[in-house]
Amino acid sequence: MFSLVLNACGNALCITSNMGSGIWTASAVNMHEAFGFDVGLLLFLIGLVNAITNQVLIRHLDVPRFVGEVIFVLCFSYFVDLFTAAFTAIGISSLPWLVRLFISILGVSTFCVAISIYQRANIFMHPNDDTTNILRFMYLKGNATASQLIDFVPPIVIMMITFTITHRVDAVNVGTFYSFFMNGVLIATADRFIFPKLVHNFKIKQA
């Protein structure tokens, strides 16, 4: 629960600073601009697709895993809304751009620490982060950076498609590029230094 709230806080910092969101969030914003659907709904649908994808990647049906991930997405969205409203109320979005840039970088770093914590605990997590966990340990021999980069391919493809419709790319800024290049590195570093006694509890039940 602590890492869920921490993740929501980090994402809300990115959103409020308006200096670039995480790449999956950016893809949802661009789909909103292209097709008109609500961003919150799109984020939930992305999470749902991730949860289904995870069932394919682990090669069998794991109902508790699927239900837990869907519940996580719902809770996560709620806390993002709360933090975004709070940070907007205290005026973060009105700060000078350089201050907002550092806040965006802090936000990305914060949600990477959160991802590291709940991936290691492996009780329940955002389905997208479970995707990278599965890729990391089942397919990529524990390489956190490679799993993050592979996971970024779908949102990049989405934004390429929406660009052909809108002829622009929204919600992409310095924070997005920082997230793209540093997510895996930050998660791997947090694995070593943040609650170092919390080791990876990754396991797959046999079909």
Protein backbone atom coordinates (compact mmCIF):
# COMPACT_ATOMS: atom_id res chain seq x y z
CA MET A 1 0.00 0.00 0.00
CA PHE A 2 2.89 2.35 0.78
CA SER A 3 4.43 1.84 -2.65
CA LEU A 4 1.05 2.22 -4.38
CA VAL A 5 0.57 5.63 -2.74
CA LEU A 6 4.21 6.57 -3.46
CA ASN A 7 3.73 5.67 -7.12
CA ALA A 8 0.59 7.79 -7.36
CA CYS A 9 2.40 10.69 -5.69
CA GLY A 10 5.28 10.52 -8.18
CA ASN A 11 2.94 10.42 -11.16
CA ALA A 12 0.93 13.34 -9.77
CA LEU A 13 4.13 15.38 -9.43
CA CYS A 14 4.85 14.75 -13.12
CA ILE A 15 1.32 15.67 -14.15
CA THR A 16 1.20 18.84 -12.04
CA SER A 17 4.64 20.05 -13.10
CA ASN A 18 3.58 19.78 -16.76
CA MET A 19 7.17 19.02 -17.78
CA GLY A 20 6.54 15.56 -19.20
CA SER A 21 4.70 12.46 -17.99
CA GLY A 22 5.72 8.82 -17.95
CA ILE A 23 5.58 7.40 -21.45
CA TRP A 24 2.45 5.26 -20.90
CA THR A 25 0.61 8.25 -19.45
CA ALA A 26 1.78 10.33 -22.41
CA SER A 27 0.38 7.73 -24.80
CA ALA A 28 -3.02 7.97 -23.06
CA VAL A 29 -2.99 11.77 -23.38
CA ASN A 30 -2.22 11.49 -27.10
CA MET A 31 -5.02 8.96 -27.59
CA HIS A 32 -7.32 11.40 -25.83
CA GLU A 33 -6.32 14.15 -28.24
CA ALA A 34 -6.74 11.86 -31.26
CA PHE A 35 -9.96 10.06 -30.34
CA GLY A 36 -11.59 12.15 -27.60
CA PHE A 37 -11.87 9.47 -24.92
CA ASP A 38 -11.34 10.39 -21.24
CA VAL A 39 -7.70 10.07 -20.13
CA GLY A 40 -8.69 8.25 -16.92
CA LEU A 41 -10.71 5.72 -18.88
CA LEU A 42 -7.83 5.22 -21.31
CA LEU A 43 -5.39 4.62 -18.45
CA PHE A 44 -7.74 2.04 -16.98
CA LEU A 45 -8.14 0.32 -20.38
CA ILE A 46 -4.35 0.30 -20.84
CA GLY A 47 -4.02 -1.34 -17.43
CA LEU A 48 -6.69 -3.89 -18.33
CA VAL A 49 -4.87 -4.77 -21.56
CA ASN A 50 -1.62 -5.07 -19.58
CA ALA A 51 -3.30 -7.43 -17.11
CA ILE A 52 -4.54 -9.64 -19.97
CA THR A 53 -1.10 -9.54 -21.60
CA ASN A 54 0.46 -10.75 -18.35
CA GLN A 55 -1.77 -13.83 -18.40
CA VAL A 56 -0.41 -14.61 -21.86
CA LEU A 57 3.20 -14.01 -20.80
CA ILE A 58 3.00 -16.35 -17.80
CA ARG A 59 1.35 -18.96 -20.10
CA HIS A 60 -1.55 -19.89 -17.85
CA LEU A 61 -4.59 -18.38 -16.14
CA ASP A 62 -3.89 -16.80 -12.76
CA VAL A 63 -7.18 -15.27 -11.59
CA PRO A 64 -5.92 -13.78 -8.26
CA ARG A 65 -3.09 -12.05 -10.13
CA PHE A 66 -5.50 -10.62 -12.71
CA VAL A 67 -8.03 -9.41 -10.13
CA GLY A 68 -5.31 -7.88 -7.95
CA GLU A 69 -3.89 -5.92 -10.88
CA VAL A 70 -7.29 -4.55 -11.87
CA ILE A 71 -7.94 -3.47 -8.26
CA PHE A 72 -4.51 -1.83 -8.16
CA VAL A 73 -5.31 0.23 -11.27
CA LEU A 74 -8.55 1.47 -9.71
CA CYS A 75 -6.85 2.46 -6.43
CA PHE A 76 -3.87 3.97 -8.21
CA SER A 77 -6.10 6.19 -10.36
CA TYR A 78 -7.96 7.40 -7.26
CA PHE A 79 -4.77 8.42 -5.44
CA VAL A 80 -3.34 10.11 -8.55
CA ASP A 81 -6.46 12.29 -8.65
CA LEU A 82 -6.10 13.15 -4.94
CA PHE A 83 -2.43 14.08 -5.18
CA THR A 84 -2.89 16.01 -8.43
CA ALA A 85 -5.64 18.10 -6.86
CA ALA A 86 -3.50 18.74 -3.76
CA PHE A 87 -0.37 19.71 -5.72
CA THR A 88 -2.41 21.97 -7.99
CA ALA A 89 -3.97 23.64 -4.95
CA ILE A 90 -0.56 24.52 -3.49
CA GLY A 91 0.51 26.06 -6.80
CA ILE A 92 3.08 23.65 -8.24
CA SER A 93 1.78 24.20 -11.78
CA SER A 94 2.48 27.95 -11.43
CA LEU A 95 6.12 27.64 -10.38
CA PRO A 96 8.98 28.70 -12.71
CA TRP A 97 9.75 26.16 -15.43
CA LEU A 98 13.16 25.23 -14.00
CA VAL A 99 11.62 24.38 -10.61
CA ARG A 100 8.89 22.37 -12.34
CA LEU A 101 11.57 20.53 -14.33
CA PHE A 102 13.23 19.36 -11.12
CA ILE A 103 9.82 18.44 -9.68
CA SER A 104 9.11 16.32 -12.77
CA ILE A 105 12.46 14.54 -12.40
CA LEU A 106 11.70 14.02 -8.71
CA GLY A 107 8.30 12.59 -9.67
CA VAL A 108 9.83 10.08 -12.10
CA SER A 109 12.45 9.06 -9.54
CA THR A 110 9.75 8.68 -6.89
CA PHE A 111 7.53 6.36 -8.91
CA CYS A 112 10.60 4.30 -9.92
CA VAL A 113 11.38 3.73 -6.23
CA ALA A 114 7.75 2.72 -5.69
CA ILE A 115 7.92 0.27 -8.60
CA SER A 116 11.08 -1.27 -7.15
CA ILE A 117 9.40 -1.80 -3.77
CA TYR A 118 6.19 -3.44 -4.93
CA GLN A 119 7.90 -5.49 -7.62
CA ARG A 120 10.14 -7.01 -4.96
CA ALA A 121 7.26 -7.56 -2.54
CA ASN A 122 5.24 -9.09 -5.41
CA ILE A 123 1.94 -9.03 -3.53
CA PHE A 124 0.06 -6.89 -6.01
CA MET A 125 1.17 -4.20 -8.44
CA HIS A 126 0.23 -2.13 -11.45
CA PRO A 127 -0.21 -4.58 -14.35
CA ASN A 128 2.24 -2.62 -16.50
CA ASP A 129 4.93 -3.04 -13.86
CA ASP A 130 4.08 -6.72 -13.56
CA THR A 131 4.67 -6.92 -17.30
CA THR A 132 8.21 -5.61 -16.88
CA ASN A 133 8.72 -7.95 -13.91
CA ILE A 134 7.64 -10.96 -15.98
CA LEU A 135 9.82 -9.89 -18.91
CA ARG A 136 12.74 -9.29 -16.57
CA PHE A 137 12.72 -12.66 -14.81
CA MET A 138 11.11 -15.04 -17.30
CA TYR A 139 12.63 -13.74 -20.52
CA LEU A 140 15.56 -11.37 -19.87
CA LYS A 141 17.65 -13.02 -17.12
CA GLY A 142 16.92 -10.32 -14.54
CA ASN A 143 17.83 -7.30 -16.70
CA ALA A 144 15.62 -4.44 -15.40
CA THR A 145 16.79 -1.91 -17.99
CA ALA A 146 16.07 -4.18 -20.97
CA SER A 147 12.61 -5.06 -19.65
CA GLN A 148 11.72 -1.37 -19.25
CA LEU A 149 12.91 -0.50 -22.77
CA ILE A 150 10.88 -3.34 -24.31
CA ASP A 151 7.84 -2.25 -22.32
CA PHE A 152 8.16 1.24 -23.83
CA VAL A 153 7.69 -0.01 -27.39
CA PRO A 154 3.84 -0.14 -27.36
CA PRO A 155 3.30 3.45 -26.11
CA ILE A 156 5.82 4.75 -28.64
CA VAL A 157 3.93 2.95 -31.42
CA ILE A 158 0.65 4.40 -30.07
CA MET A 159 2.06 7.94 -30.20
CA MET A 160 3.37 7.38 -33.72
CA ILE A 161 -0.15 6.38 -34.78
CA THR A 162 -1.83 9.31 -33.01
CA PHE A 163 0.73 11.67 -34.56
CA THR A 164 -0.53 10.71 -38.02
CA ILE A 165 -3.99 11.87 -36.89
CA THR A 166 -3.24 15.00 -34.84
CA HIS A 167 0.18 15.93 -36.33
CA ARG A 168 1.51 16.66 -32.85
CA VAL A 169 2.80 14.89 -29.76
CA ASP A 170 1.39 15.95 -26.39
CA ALA A 171 2.55 15.35 -22.78
CA VAL A 172 6.13 14.67 -23.89
CA ASN A 173 8.85 16.82 -22.36
CA VAL A 174 12.12 16.51 -20.47
CA GLY A 175 10.49 14.36 -17.79
CA THR A 176 9.35 11.86 -20.42
CA PHE A 177 12.84 11.44 -21.84
CA TYR A 178 14.28 11.15 -18.34
CA SER A 179 11.74 8.41 -17.66
CA PHE A 180 12.53 6.65 -20.95
CA PHE A 181 16.27 6.45 -20.36
CA MET A 182 16.39 6.19 -16.56
CA ASN A 183 13.43 4.03 -15.44
CA GLY A 184 15.30 0.74 -15.56
CA VAL A 185 18.45 2.21 -14.04
CA LEU A 186 16.53 3.88 -11.21
CA ILE A 187 14.54 0.72 -10.43
CA ALA A 188 17.69 -1.43 -10.38
CA THR A 189 19.43 1.14 -8.13
CA ALA A 190 16.46 1.28 -5.76
CA ASP A 191 16.57 -2.54 -5.59
CA ARG A 192 20.04 -2.20 -4.07
CA PHE A 193 19.64 0.81 -1.77
CA ILE A 194 15.96 1.23 -0.80
CA PHE A 195 14.91 -1.43 1.72
CA PRO A 196 17.82 -3.65 0.56
CA LYS A 197 16.64 -6.56 2.71
CA LEU A 198 13.46 -6.71 0.64
CA VAL A 199 14.55 -9.17 -2.04
CA HIS A 200 12.66 -10.12 -5.17
CA ASN A 201 9.80 -12.48 -4.43
CA PHE A 202 9.10 -13.26 -8.09
CA LYS A 203 7.45 -16.60 -8.67
CA ILE A 204 5.14 -18.18 -11.23
CA LYS A 205 2.64 -20.82 -10.25
CA GLN A 206 2.78 -23.78 -12.55
CA ALA A 207 -0.26 -24.31 -14.75
